Amino acid sequence: MVTIRDVAKYAGVSASTASRAIRNSSLISPETRKKVQLVAKKMNYVPNFNAHNLATNANNTVGIVFPVDKDDLYQNPFYTELIEGINQELIPKHFFMTVALGGTVKELKQTIKIMIENSKIEQFILLYSIENDPILKYLQQRKAKYAVIGKPYTNANSIPYVDNDNVNAGLDATEYLINKGHRQLGYAFTSRYQLVQTDRMLGFHEAIRRNDLYGYNLELCSERFGTAIKEYLQRYPDISAILASDDILAFQVQKAVQRIAPERQIELMGFNDSLFAKFAEPKISTVQIYPKRLGKAAAQLIIQQLEQESNEPFEKIIVPYKIIEQN
């Protein structure tokens, strides 16, 4: 039986490159894709999804793991687009999705335990990355196949993940605001335990440092949201722009500022290029991070692991970003 390694050897590429080329991944150049696909056709190569499932008695379902008890989970279009991208990649391979939710870590872990033991689900996509994640550790203990959306806090070279370059995205977004004339800026966020938020913060402060300006953090929680913003505006009366960790937060901060201090003209900017940025008044400039592409890339990492005949180095996929200026 011809394996992906045989195809890769004949085509003169790595097994992971051959796997992506056969899946027609845009991460591989058209020339390489064409060459590998011709070799695969010549060798009568067939991806071994069904063989894997039959050999292991596995389910052809991928568990989609949502973050625990996230306040904006059901209103955040970021997750909707992630799911859409994952589904678009899985369906042609005859794989399906099921969702794992939990109000607590204990509940979520129990849900995943049932999925593994009762439904024989062996592959999972985590839609988040947090520090010391007990769910990720549990999947590793169960030797499940998995991919993470978001750079892991530790051992990034041994965990398959997809992400944007959030440090540079934060830097470029801040430079965009600086180039518009802002000299005192803020960075609004909700959690120091989500690497995506802290990476964007690092980029923000690097841009501030390079331009010898002033930048101030604004950490927010739902319990003291309005109070924290009021105190922040009083403490920093000259701030004229705030970069938020995502569009929803930018929208919420904008509304709070308009209510608390309508005389303050503060420009907001976020991430995700969502409807919240477009429907804000005034509209909010944002950073498009292509969540659908992130979802597709995560599904590709799962499929790639199922195709591999032996353990190979884990891969990461970095999806580009783009600043979207709202008029």
C-alpha atoms as a PDB file:
ATOM      1  CA  MET A   1       0.000   0.000   0.000  1.00  0.00           C
ATOM      2  CA  VAL A   2       1.375   3.414  -0.999  1.00  0.00           C
ATOM      3  CA  THR A   3       1.840   5.797   1.949  1.00  0.00           C
ATOM      4  CA  ILE A   4       2.194   9.562   2.149  1.00  0.00           C
ATOM      5  CA  ARG A   5       5.899   9.015   2.853  1.00  0.00           C
ATOM      6  CA  ASP A   6       6.274   7.171  -0.458  1.00  0.00           C
ATOM      7  CA  VAL A   7       4.641  10.061  -2.308  1.00  0.00           C
ATOM      8  CA  ALA A   8       6.806  12.598  -0.472  1.00  0.00           C
ATOM      9  CA  LYS A   9      10.025  10.703  -1.210  1.00  0.00           C
ATOM     10  CA  TYR A  10       9.215  10.380  -4.913  1.00  0.00           C
ATOM     11  CA  ALA A  11       8.228  14.064  -5.151  1.00  0.00           C
ATOM     12  CA  GLY A  12      11.287  15.237  -3.223  1.00  0.00           C
ATOM     13  CA  VAL A  13       9.387  16.982  -0.424  1.00  0.00           C
ATOM     14  CA  SER A  14       8.647  16.342   3.252  1.00  0.00           C
ATOM     15  CA  ALA A  15       5.703  14.170   4.272  1.00  0.00           C
ATOM     16  CA  SER A  16       3.887  17.161   5.777  1.00  0.00           C
ATOM     17  CA  THR A  17       4.344  19.177   2.563  1.00  0.00           C
ATOM     18  CA  ALA A  18       3.060  16.250   0.511  1.00  0.00           C
ATOM     19  CA  SER A  19       0.051  15.918   2.810  1.00  0.00           C
ATOM     20  CA  ARG A  20      -0.826  19.594   2.440  1.00  0.00           C
ATOM     21  CA  ALA A  21      -0.273  19.549  -1.305  1.00  0.00           C
ATOM     22  CA  ILE A  22      -2.668  16.622  -1.726  1.00  0.00           C
ATOM     23  CA  ARG A  23      -5.257  18.554   0.296  1.00  0.00           C
ATOM     24  CA  ASN A  24      -4.699  21.500  -2.086  1.00  0.00           C
ATOM     25  CA  SER A  25      -3.623  23.747   0.790  1.00  0.00           C
ATOM     26  CA  SER A  26      -2.953  27.364  -0.167  1.00  0.00           C
ATOM     27  CA  LEU A  27       0.076  27.221   2.138  1.00  0.00           C
ATOM     28  CA  ILE A  28       1.888  25.213  -0.552  1.00  0.00           C
ATOM     29  CA  SER A  29       2.933  26.831  -3.840  1.00  0.00           C
ATOM     30  CA  PRO A  30       0.857  25.933  -6.925  1.00  0.00           C
ATOM     31  CA  GLU A  31       3.913  24.367  -8.567  1.00  0.00           C
ATOM     32  CA  THR A  32       4.605  22.061  -5.622  1.00  0.00           C
ATOM     33  CA  ARG A  33       0.924  21.160  -5.282  1.00  0.00           C
ATOM     34  CA  LYS A  34       0.739  20.203  -8.940  1.00  0.00           C
ATOM     35  CA  LYS A  35       3.929  18.137  -8.756  1.00  0.00           C
ATOM     36  CA  VAL A  36       2.864  16.235  -5.633  1.00  0.00           C
ATOM     37  CA  GLN A  37      -0.665  15.639  -6.912  1.00  0.00           C
ATOM     38  CA  LEU A  38       0.693  14.218 -10.164  1.00  0.00           C
ATOM     39  CA  VAL A  39       2.998  11.896  -8.229  1.00  0.00           C
ATOM     40  CA  ALA A  40       0.132  10.794  -5.964  1.00  0.00           C
ATOM     41  CA  LYS A  41      -2.068  10.087  -8.972  1.00  0.00           C
ATOM     42  CA  LYS A  42       0.700   8.154 -10.705  1.00  0.00           C
ATOM     43  CA  MET A  43       1.302   6.055  -7.584  1.00  0.00           C
ATOM     44  CA  ASN A  44      -2.455   5.527  -6.981  1.00  0.00           C
ATOM     45  CA  TYR A  45      -2.159   7.039  -3.514  1.00  0.00           C
ATOM     46  CA  VAL A  46      -5.371   7.204  -1.444  1.00  0.00           C
ATOM     47  CA  PRO A  47      -5.423   9.081   1.927  1.00  0.00           C
ATOM     48  CA  ASN A  48      -5.992   6.604   4.711  1.00  0.00           C
ATOM     49  CA  PHE A  49      -8.787   8.280   6.728  1.00  0.00           C
ATOM     50  CA  ASN A  50     -11.027   5.222   6.608  1.00  0.00           C
ATOM     51  CA  ALA A  51      -8.143   2.863   7.304  1.00  0.00           C
ATOM     52  CA  HIS A  52      -7.292   4.844  10.403  1.00  0.00           C
ATOM     53  CA  ASN A  53     -10.872   4.789  11.642  1.00  0.00           C
ATOM     54  CA  LEU A  54     -11.332   1.072  11.004  1.00  0.00           C
ATOM     55  CA  ALA A  55      -8.024   0.163  12.605  1.00  0.00           C
ATOM     56  CA  THR A  56      -8.749   2.127  15.773  1.00  0.00           C
ATOM     57  CA  ASN A  57     -12.536   1.805  15.896  1.00  0.00           C
ATOM     58  CA  ALA A  58     -12.525   5.602  15.915  1.00  0.00           C
ATOM     59  CA  ASN A  59     -15.352   7.982  15.181  1.00  0.00           C
ATOM     60  CA  ASN A  60     -14.991  10.269  12.161  1.00  0.00           C
ATOM     61  CA  THR A  61     -16.090  13.195  14.310  1.00  0.00           C
ATOM     62  CA  VAL A  62     -13.929  16.079  15.514  1.00  0.00           C
ATOM     63  CA  GLY A  63     -14.673  17.556  18.930  1.00  0.00           C
ATOM     64  CA  ILE A  64     -14.753  21.359  18.905  1.00  0.00           C
ATOM     65  CA  VAL A  65     -13.807  22.645  22.361  1.00  0.00           C
ATOM     66  CA  PHE A  66     -15.053  26.103  23.338  1.00  0.00           C
ATOM     67  CA  PRO A  67     -13.518  28.153  26.156  1.00  0.00           C
ATOM     68  CA  VAL A  68     -15.059  27.738  29.591  1.00  0.00           C
ATOM     69  CA  ASP A  69     -17.892  30.090  30.525  1.00  0.00           C
ATOM     70  CA  LYS A  70     -16.854  32.931  28.212  1.00  0.00           C
ATOM     71  CA  ASP A  71     -19.283  35.856  28.570  1.00  0.00           C
ATOM     72  CA  ASP A  72     -19.412  36.818  24.886  1.00  0.00           C
ATOM     73  CA  LEU A  73     -19.360  33.267  23.514  1.00  0.00           C
ATOM     74  CA  TYR A  74     -22.786  33.339  21.897  1.00  0.00           C
ATOM     75  CA  GLN A  75     -22.582  36.869  20.516  1.00  0.00           C
ATOM     76  CA  ASN A  76     -19.015  36.801  19.233  1.00  0.00           C
ATOM     77  CA  PRO A  77     -18.909  36.285  15.435  1.00  0.00           C
ATOM     78  CA  PHE A  78     -15.266  35.220  15.750  1.00  0.00           C
ATOM     79  CA  TYR A  79     -16.344  31.762  16.910  1.00  0.00           C
ATOM     80  CA  THR A  80     -19.010  31.485  14.221  1.00  0.00           C
ATOM     81  CA  GLU A  81     -16.412  32.102  11.517  1.00  0.00           C
ATOM     82  CA  LEU A  82     -13.959  29.670  13.104  1.00  0.00           C
ATOM     83  CA  ILE A  83     -16.619  26.949  13.008  1.00  0.00           C
ATOM     84  CA  GLU A  84     -17.484  27.777   9.403  1.00  0.00           C
ATOM     85  CA  GLY A  85     -13.836  27.437   8.373  1.00  0.00           C
ATOM     86  CA  ILE A  86     -13.406  24.157  10.252  1.00  0.00           C
ATOM     87  CA  ASN A  87     -16.543  22.719   8.698  1.00  0.00           C
ATOM     88  CA  GLN A  88     -15.510  23.721   5.158  1.00  0.00           C
ATOM     89  CA  GLU A  89     -12.267  21.786   5.576  1.00  0.00           C
ATOM     90  CA  LEU A  90     -13.718  18.710   7.290  1.00  0.00           C
ATOM     91  CA  ILE A  91     -16.794  17.975   5.169  1.00  0.00           C
ATOM     92  CA  PRO A  92     -14.898  17.058   1.949  1.00  0.00           C
ATOM     93  CA  LYS A  93     -12.898  14.566   4.036  1.00  0.00           C
ATOM     94  CA  HIS A  94     -16.126  13.022   5.404  1.00  0.00           C
ATOM     95  CA  PHE A  95     -15.479  14.268   8.918  1.00  0.00           C
ATOM     96  CA  PHE A  96     -18.052  15.961  11.102  1.00  0.00           C
ATOM     97  CA  MET A  97     -18.123  18.160  14.185  1.00  0.00           C
ATOM     98  CA  THR A  98     -19.554  17.964  17.658  1.00  0.00           C
ATOM     99  CA  VAL A  99     -19.280  20.709  20.250  1.00  0.00           C
ATOM    100  CA  ALA A 100     -17.867  20.504  23.778  1.00  0.00           C
ATOM    101  CA  LEU A 101     -19.113  23.208  26.162  1.00  0.00           C
ATOM    102  CA  GLY A 102     -18.872  23.648  29.916  1.00  0.00           C
ATOM    103  CA  GLY A 103     -19.639  26.273  32.514  1.00  0.00           C
ATOM    104  CA  THR A 104     -16.623  25.106  34.517  1.00  0.00           C
ATOM    105  CA  VAL A 105     -13.389  23.288  33.751  1.00  0.00           C
ATOM    106  CA  LYS A 106     -14.757  20.245  35.581  1.00  0.00           C
ATOM    107  CA  GLU A 107     -17.897  20.175  33.406  1.00  0.00           C
ATOM    108  CA  LEU A 108     -15.920  20.632  30.192  1.00  0.00           C
ATOM    109  CA  LYS A 109     -13.433  17.921  31.133  1.00  0.00           C
ATOM    110  CA  GLN A 110     -16.282  15.515  31.902  1.00  0.00           C
ATOM    111  CA  THR A 111     -17.888  16.262  28.523  1.00  0.00           C
ATOM    112  CA  ILE A 112     -14.636  15.491  26.716  1.00  0.00           C
ATOM    113  CA  LYS A 113     -14.160  12.325  28.789  1.00  0.00           C
ATOM    114  CA  ILE A 114     -17.577  11.078  27.638  1.00  0.00           C
ATOM    115  CA  MET A 115     -16.768  11.981  24.019  1.00  0.00           C
ATOM    116  CA  ILE A 116     -13.547   9.962  24.149  1.00  0.00           C
ATOM    117  CA  GLU A 117     -14.805   6.940  26.082  1.00  0.00           C
ATOM    118  CA  ASN A 118     -18.395   6.595  24.850  1.00  0.00           C
ATOM    119  CA  SER A 119     -18.310   8.097  21.365  1.00  0.00           C
ATOM    120  CA  LYS A 120     -14.737   7.050  20.499  1.00  0.00           C
ATOM    121  CA  ILE A 121     -13.855  10.578  19.398  1.00  0.00           C
ATOM    122  CA  GLU A 122     -10.075  10.849  19.144  1.00  0.00           C
ATOM    123  CA  GLN A 123      -9.476  14.268  17.591  1.00  0.00           C
ATOM    124  CA  PHE A 124     -10.213  17.722  18.975  1.00  0.00           C
ATOM    125  CA  ILE A 125      -9.789  21.384  18.059  1.00  0.00           C
ATOM    126  CA  LEU A 126      -9.453  23.870  20.922  1.00  0.00           C
ATOM    127  CA  LEU A 127     -10.830  27.284  19.942  1.00  0.00           C
ATOM    128  CA  TYR A 128      -8.663  29.070  22.497  1.00  0.00           C
ATOM    129  CA  SER A 129      -5.285  29.094  24.220  1.00  0.00           C
ATOM    130  CA  ILE A 130      -4.832  29.886  27.905  1.00  0.00           C
ATOM    131  CA  GLU A 131      -2.044  29.497  30.431  1.00  0.00           C
ATOM    132  CA  ASN A 132      -1.769  26.057  32.095  1.00  0.00           C
ATOM    133  CA  ASP A 133      -4.878  24.766  30.335  1.00  0.00           C
ATOM    134  CA  PRO A 134      -6.134  21.621  32.153  1.00  0.00           C
ATOM    135  CA  ILE A 135      -8.171  20.602  29.093  1.00  0.00           C
ATOM    136  CA  LEU A 136      -5.106  20.557  26.857  1.00  0.00           C
ATOM    137  CA  LYS A 137      -3.220  18.561  29.484  1.00  0.00           C
ATOM    138  CA  TYR A 138      -6.100  16.070  29.657  1.00  0.00           C
ATOM    139  CA  LEU A 139      -6.110  15.581  25.874  1.00  0.00           C
ATOM    140  CA  GLN A 140      -2.360  14.990  25.992  1.00  0.00           C
ATOM    141  CA  GLN A 141      -2.787  12.420  28.767  1.00  0.00           C
ATOM    142  CA  ARG A 142      -5.440  10.609  26.711  1.00  0.00           C
ATOM    143  CA  LYS A 143      -3.110  10.677  23.683  1.00  0.00           C
ATOM    144  CA  ALA A 144      -5.822  12.339  21.606  1.00  0.00           C
ATOM    145  CA  LYS A 145      -4.986  14.155  18.406  1.00  0.00           C
ATOM    146  CA  TYR A 146      -5.589  17.880  18.720  1.00  0.00           C
ATOM    147  CA  ALA A 147      -4.918  21.317  17.306  1.00  0.00           C
ATOM    148  CA  VAL A 148      -5.065  24.626  19.144  1.00  0.00           C
ATOM    149  CA  ILE A 149      -6.267  27.952  17.779  1.00  0.00           C
ATOM    150  CA  GLY A 150      -3.889  30.394  19.438  1.00  0.00           C
ATOM    151  CA  LYS A 151      -0.209  30.164  20.321  1.00  0.00           C
ATOM    152  CA  PRO A 152       0.383  27.963  23.395  1.00  0.00           C
ATOM    153  CA  TYR A 153       1.972  29.574  26.450  1.00  0.00           C
ATOM    154  CA  THR A 154       4.632  26.863  26.682  1.00  0.00           C
ATOM    155  CA  ASN A 155       6.045  24.080  24.506  1.00  0.00           C
ATOM    156  CA  ALA A 156       4.893  25.821  21.330  1.00  0.00           C
ATOM    157  CA  ASN A 157       7.271  23.661  19.284  1.00  0.00           C
ATOM    158  CA  SER A 158       5.582  20.456  20.451  1.00  0.00           C
ATOM    159  CA  ILE A 159       1.938  21.524  20.057  1.00  0.00           C
ATOM    160  CA  PRO A 160       0.165  21.824  16.677  1.00  0.00           C
ATOM    161  CA  TYR A 161      -1.420  25.271  16.541  1.00  0.00           C
ATOM    162  CA  VAL A 162      -2.613  28.040  14.257  1.00  0.00           C
ATOM    163  CA  ASP A 163      -2.512  31.738  15.012  1.00  0.00           C
ATOM    164  CA  ASN A 164      -1.847  35.225  13.721  1.00  0.00           C
ATOM    165  CA  ASP A 165       1.320  37.109  14.580  1.00  0.00           C
ATOM    166  CA  ASN A 166      -0.477  38.983  17.334  1.00  0.00           C
ATOM    167  CA  VAL A 167       2.554  40.891  18.590  1.00  0.00           C
ATOM    168  CA  ASN A 168       3.120  42.467  15.186  1.00  0.00           C
ATOM    169  CA  ALA A 169      -0.624  42.927  14.699  1.00  0.00           C
ATOM    170  CA  GLY A 170      -0.756  44.905  17.943  1.00  0.00           C
ATOM    171  CA  LEU A 171       2.308  46.886  16.901  1.00  0.00           C
ATOM    172  CA  ASP A 172       0.938  47.726  13.447  1.00  0.00           C
ATOM    173  CA  ALA A 173      -2.470  48.705  14.825  1.00  0.00           C
ATOM    174  CA  THR A 174      -0.814  51.050  17.318  1.00  0.00           C
ATOM    175  CA  GLU A 175       1.418  52.519  14.601  1.00  0.00           C
ATOM    176  CA  TYR A 176      -1.738  53.145  12.565  1.00  0.00           C
ATOM    177  CA  LEU A 177      -3.214  55.192  15.426  1.00  0.00           C
ATOM    178  CA  ILE A 178       0.072  57.013  16.012  1.00  0.00           C
ATOM    179  CA  ASN A 179       0.273  57.953  12.329  1.00  0.00           C
ATOM    180  CA  LYS A 180      -3.154  59.549  12.691  1.00  0.00           C
ATOM    181  CA  GLY A 181      -1.665  61.954  15.232  1.00  0.00           C
ATOM    182  CA  HIS A 182      -2.439  60.297  18.575  1.00  0.00           C
ATOM    183  CA  ARG A 183       0.268  60.797  21.200  1.00  0.00           C
ATOM    184  CA  GLN A 184      -1.237  59.298  24.355  1.00  0.00           C
ATOM    185  CA  LEU A 185      -2.892  55.931  23.836  1.00  0.00           C
ATOM    186  CA  GLY A 186      -4.483  53.145  25.835  1.00  0.00           C
ATOM    187  CA  TYR A 187      -4.748  49.383  25.480  1.00  0.00           C
ATOM    188  CA  ALA A 188      -7.976  47.781  26.746  1.00  0.00           C
ATOM    189  CA  PHE A 189      -8.152  44.070  27.547  1.00  0.00           C
ATOM    190  CA  THR A 190     -10.027  41.632  29.793  1.00  0.00           C
ATOM    191  CA  SER A 191      -7.600  38.831  30.688  1.00  0.00           C
ATOM    192  CA  ARG A 192      -3.876  38.450  31.283  1.00  0.00           C
ATOM    193  CA  TYR A 193      -4.299  34.670  30.960  1.00  0.00           C
ATOM    194  CA  GLN A 194      -5.171  34.723  27.253  1.00  0.00           C
ATOM    195  CA  LEU A 195      -1.961  34.906  25.258  1.00  0.00           C
ATOM    196  CA  VAL A 196      -3.693  36.552  22.302  1.00  0.00           C
ATOM    197  CA  GLN A 197      -4.532  39.550  24.494  1.00  0.00           C
ATOM    198  CA  THR A 198      -1.106  39.818  26.101  1.00  0.00           C
ATOM    199  CA  ASP A 199       0.685  39.415  22.758  1.00  0.00           C
ATOM    200  CA  ARG A 200      -1.307  42.306  21.305  1.00  0.00           C
ATOM    201  CA  MET A 201      -0.434  44.262  24.427  1.00  0.00           C
ATOM    202  CA  LEU A 202       3.268  43.574  23.846  1.00  0.00           C
ATOM    203  CA  GLY A 203       2.949  44.907  20.310  1.00  0.00           C
ATOM    204  CA  PHE A 204       1.126  47.989  21.585  1.00  0.00           C
ATOM    205  CA  HIS A 205       3.858  48.846  24.070  1.00  0.00           C
ATOM    206  CA  GLU A 206       6.623  48.163  21.538  1.00  0.00           C
ATOM    207  CA  ALA A 207       5.071  50.717  19.167  1.00  0.00           C
ATOM    208  CA  ILE A 208       4.759  53.180  22.051  1.00  0.00           C
ATOM    209  CA  ARG A 209       8.424  52.636  22.958  1.00  0.00           C
ATOM    210  CA  ARG A 210       9.659  53.050  19.385  1.00  0.00           C
ATOM    211  CA  ASN A 211       7.855  56.364  19.069  1.00  0.00           C
ATOM    212  CA  ASP A 212       8.804  57.614  22.550  1.00  0.00           C
ATOM    213  CA  LEU A 213       5.161  58.164  23.489  1.00  0.00           C
ATOM    214  CA  TYR A 214       2.867  57.312  26.394  1.00  0.00           C
ATOM    215  CA  GLY A 215       0.730  54.177  26.614  1.00  0.00           C
ATOM    216  CA  TYR A 216      -1.479  52.992  29.456  1.00  0.00           C
ATOM    217  CA  ASN A 217      -3.200  49.663  30.093  1.00  0.00           C
ATOM    218  CA  LEU A 218      -6.913  49.430  30.847  1.00  0.00           C
ATOM    219  CA  GLU A 219      -7.856  46.043  32.331  1.00  0.00           C
ATOM    220  CA  LEU A 220     -11.615  45.547  32.404  1.00  0.00           C
ATOM    221  CA  CYS A 221     -14.022  43.100  34.010  1.00  0.00           C
ATOM    222  CA  SER A 222     -17.795  42.985  33.759  1.00  0.00           C
ATOM    223  CA  GLU A 223     -18.296  43.771  37.470  1.00  0.00           C
ATOM    224  CA  ARG A 224     -16.486  47.142  37.368  1.00  0.00           C
ATOM    225  CA  PHE A 225     -16.646  47.974  33.679  1.00  0.00           C
ATOM    226  CA  GLY A 226     -18.143  51.471  33.848  1.00  0.00           C
ATOM    227  CA  THR A 227     -16.357  52.400  37.061  1.00  0.00           C
ATOM    228  CA  ALA A 228     -12.969  51.305  35.705  1.00  0.00           C
ATOM    229  CA  ILE A 229     -13.411  53.364  32.531  1.00  0.00           C
ATOM    230  CA  LYS A 230     -14.489  56.440  34.497  1.00  0.00           C
ATOM    231  CA  GLU A 231     -11.434  56.188  36.762  1.00  0.00           C
ATOM    232  CA  TYR A 232      -9.190  55.589  33.752  1.00  0.00           C
ATOM    233  CA  LEU A 233     -10.452  58.694  31.921  1.00  0.00           C
ATOM    234  CA  GLN A 234      -9.943  60.792  35.042  1.00  0.00           C
ATOM    235  CA  ARG A 235      -6.420  59.451  35.564  1.00  0.00           C
ATOM    236  CA  TYR A 236      -5.369  59.985  31.936  1.00  0.00           C
ATOM    237  CA  PRO A 237      -7.153  63.105  30.663  1.00  0.00           C
ATOM    238  CA  ASP A 238      -5.001  63.401  27.523  1.00  0.00           C
ATOM    239  CA  ILE A 239      -5.590  59.937  26.051  1.00  0.00           C
ATOM    240  CA  SER A 240      -7.082  60.308  22.566  1.00  0.00           C
ATOM    241  CA  ALA A 241      -7.101  56.704  21.289  1.00  0.00           C
ATOM    242  CA  ILE A 242      -7.644  53.234  22.750  1.00  0.00           C
ATOM    243  CA  LEU A 243      -6.706  49.951  21.085  1.00  0.00           C
ATOM    244  CA  ALA A 244      -8.926  47.140  22.391  1.00  0.00           C
ATOM    245  CA  SER A 245      -8.126  43.423  22.321  1.00  0.00           C
ATOM    246  CA  ASP A 246     -11.149  42.774  20.066  1.00  0.00           C
ATOM    247  CA  ASP A 247     -14.044  44.565  18.353  1.00  0.00           C
ATOM    248  CA  ILE A 248     -16.634  43.687  20.975  1.00  0.00           C
ATOM    249  CA  LEU A 249     -14.540  45.266  23.717  1.00  0.00           C
ATOM    250  CA  ALA A 250     -13.810  48.296  21.514  1.00  0.00           C
ATOM    251  CA  PHE A 251     -17.551  48.725  20.917  1.00  0.00           C
ATOM    252  CA  GLN A 252     -18.309  48.424  24.644  1.00  0.00           C
ATOM    253  CA  VAL A 253     -15.592  50.922  25.593  1.00  0.00           C
ATOM    254  CA  GLN A 254     -16.810  53.370  22.947  1.00  0.00           C
ATOM    255  CA  LYS A 255     -20.362  53.226  24.321  1.00  0.00           C
ATOM    256  CA  ALA A 256     -19.128  53.645  27.894  1.00  0.00           C
ATOM    257  CA  VAL A 257     -16.975  56.667  27.027  1.00  0.00           C
ATOM    258  CA  GLN A 258     -19.877  58.287  25.164  1.00  0.00           C
ATOM    259  CA  ARG A 259     -22.074  57.794  28.231  1.00  0.00           C
ATOM    260  CA  ILE A 260     -19.558  58.706  30.948  1.00  0.00           C
ATOM    261  CA  ALA A 261     -17.611  61.510  29.258  1.00  0.00           C
ATOM    262  CA  PRO A 262     -19.368  62.583  26.028  1.00  0.00           C
ATOM    263  CA  GLU A 263     -17.018  65.538  25.704  1.00  0.00           C
ATOM    264  CA  ARG A 264     -14.020  63.226  25.240  1.00  0.00           C
ATOM    265  CA  GLN A 265     -13.172  62.488  21.598  1.00  0.00           C
ATOM    266  CA  ILE A 266     -11.450  59.113  21.889  1.00  0.00           C
ATOM    267  CA  GLU A 267     -10.812  56.968  18.821  1.00  0.00           C
ATOM    268  CA  LEU A 268     -11.315  53.225  19.304  1.00  0.00           C
ATOM    269  CA  MET A 269      -9.745  50.369  17.369  1.00  0.00           C
ATOM    270  CA  GLY A 270     -10.218  46.607  17.707  1.00  0.00           C
ATOM    271  CA  PHE A 271      -9.522  43.217  16.169  1.00  0.00           C
ATOM    272  CA  ASN A 272     -11.617  40.749  14.096  1.00  0.00           C
ATOM    273  CA  ASP A 273     -13.277  43.079  11.532  1.00  0.00           C
ATOM    274  CA  SER A 274     -16.699  42.124  12.873  1.00  0.00           C
ATOM    275  CA  LEU A 275     -20.128  43.727  12.625  1.00  0.00           C
ATOM    276  CA  PHE A 276     -19.445  45.445  15.958  1.00  0.00           C
ATOM    277  CA  ALA A 277     -16.800  47.588  14.241  1.00  0.00           C
ATOM    278  CA  LYS A 278     -19.060  48.378  11.288  1.00  0.00           C
ATOM    279  CA  PHE A 279     -22.175  49.211  13.334  1.00  0.00           C
ATOM    280  CA  ALA A 280     -20.373  51.391  15.882  1.00  0.00           C
ATOM    281  CA  GLU A 281     -20.943  55.141  15.705  1.00  0.00           C
ATOM    282  CA  PRO A 282     -18.484  56.386  14.698  1.00  0.00           C
ATOM    283  CA  LYS A 283     -17.252  53.213  12.987  1.00  0.00           C
ATOM    284  CA  ILE A 284     -14.258  51.498  14.544  1.00  0.00           C
ATOM    285  CA  SER A 285     -11.102  50.729  12.582  1.00  0.00           C
ATOM    286  CA  THR A 286     -10.020  47.151  13.123  1.00  0.00           C
ATOM    287  CA  VAL A 287      -7.538  44.393  12.296  1.00  0.00           C
ATOM    288  CA  GLN A 288      -8.857  41.587  10.091  1.00  0.00           C
ATOM    289  CA  ILE A 289      -7.414  38.328  11.416  1.00  0.00           C
ATOM    290  CA  TYR A 290      -9.289  35.968   9.048  1.00  0.00           C
ATOM    291  CA  PRO A 291     -10.949  33.616  11.579  1.00  0.00           C
ATOM    292  CA  LYS A 292     -12.363  31.426   8.810  1.00  0.00           C
ATOM    293  CA  ARG A 293      -8.816  30.771   7.584  1.00  0.00           C
ATOM    294  CA  LEU A 294      -7.723  30.038  11.151  1.00  0.00           C
ATOM    295  CA  GLY A 295     -10.486  27.442  11.414  1.00  0.00           C
ATOM    296  CA  LYS A 296      -9.583  25.834   8.092  1.00  0.00           C
ATOM    297  CA  ALA A 297      -5.911  25.702   9.076  1.00  0.00           C
ATOM    298  CA  ALA A 298      -6.742  24.030  12.408  1.00  0.00           C
ATOM    299  CA  ALA A 299      -8.789  21.386  10.594  1.00  0.00           C
ATOM    300  CA  GLN A 300      -5.881  20.854   8.187  1.00  0.00           C
ATOM    301  CA  LEU A 301      -3.607  20.114  11.147  1.00  0.00           C
ATOM    302  CA  ILE A 302      -6.061  17.488  12.408  1.00  0.00           C
ATOM    303  CA  ILE A 303      -6.337  15.854   8.978  1.00  0.00           C
ATOM    304  CA  GLN A 304      -2.568  15.907   8.613  1.00  0.00           C
ATOM    305  CA  GLN A 305      -2.140  14.043  11.911  1.00  0.00           C
ATOM    306  CA  LEU A 306      -4.624  11.397  10.769  1.00  0.00           C
ATOM    307  CA  GLU A 307      -2.743  10.959   7.487  1.00  0.00           C
ATOM    308  CA  GLN A 308       0.643  10.476   9.103  1.00  0.00           C
ATOM    309  CA  GLU A 309       1.852   6.902   9.312  1.00  0.00           C
ATOM    310  CA  SER A 310       4.313   7.777  12.067  1.00  0.00           C
ATOM    311  CA  ASN A 311       4.974  10.570  14.508  1.00  0.00           C
ATOM    312  CA  GLU A 312       6.386  13.650  12.825  1.00  0.00           C
ATOM    313  CA  PRO A 313       7.252  17.096  14.210  1.00  0.00           C
ATOM    314  CA  PHE A 314       4.201  19.156  15.086  1.00  0.00           C
ATOM    315  CA  GLU A 315       3.502  22.111  12.867  1.00  0.00           C
ATOM    316  CA  LYS A 316       2.226  25.623  13.293  1.00  0.00           C
ATOM    317  CA  ILE A 317       0.378  27.720  10.734  1.00  0.00           C
ATOM    318  CA  ILE A 318       0.530  31.516  10.904  1.00  0.00           C
ATOM    319  CA  VAL A 319      -2.373  33.272   9.186  1.00  0.00           C
ATOM    320  CA  PRO A 320      -1.820  36.872   7.980  1.00  0.00           C
ATOM    321  CA  TYR A 321      -3.718  39.934   9.189  1.00  0.00           C
ATOM    322  CA  LYS A 322      -4.769  43.226   7.626  1.00  0.00           C
ATOM    323  CA  ILE A 323      -5.642  46.645   9.036  1.00  0.00           C
ATOM    324  CA  ILE A 324      -9.139  47.743   8.004  1.00  0.00           C
ATOM    325  CA  GLU A 325      -9.753  51.479   8.126  1.00  0.00           C
ATOM    326  CA  GLN A 326     -13.393  52.414   8.651  1.00  0.00           C
ATOM    327  CA  ASN A 327     -14.471  55.666   7.056  1.00  0.00           C
END
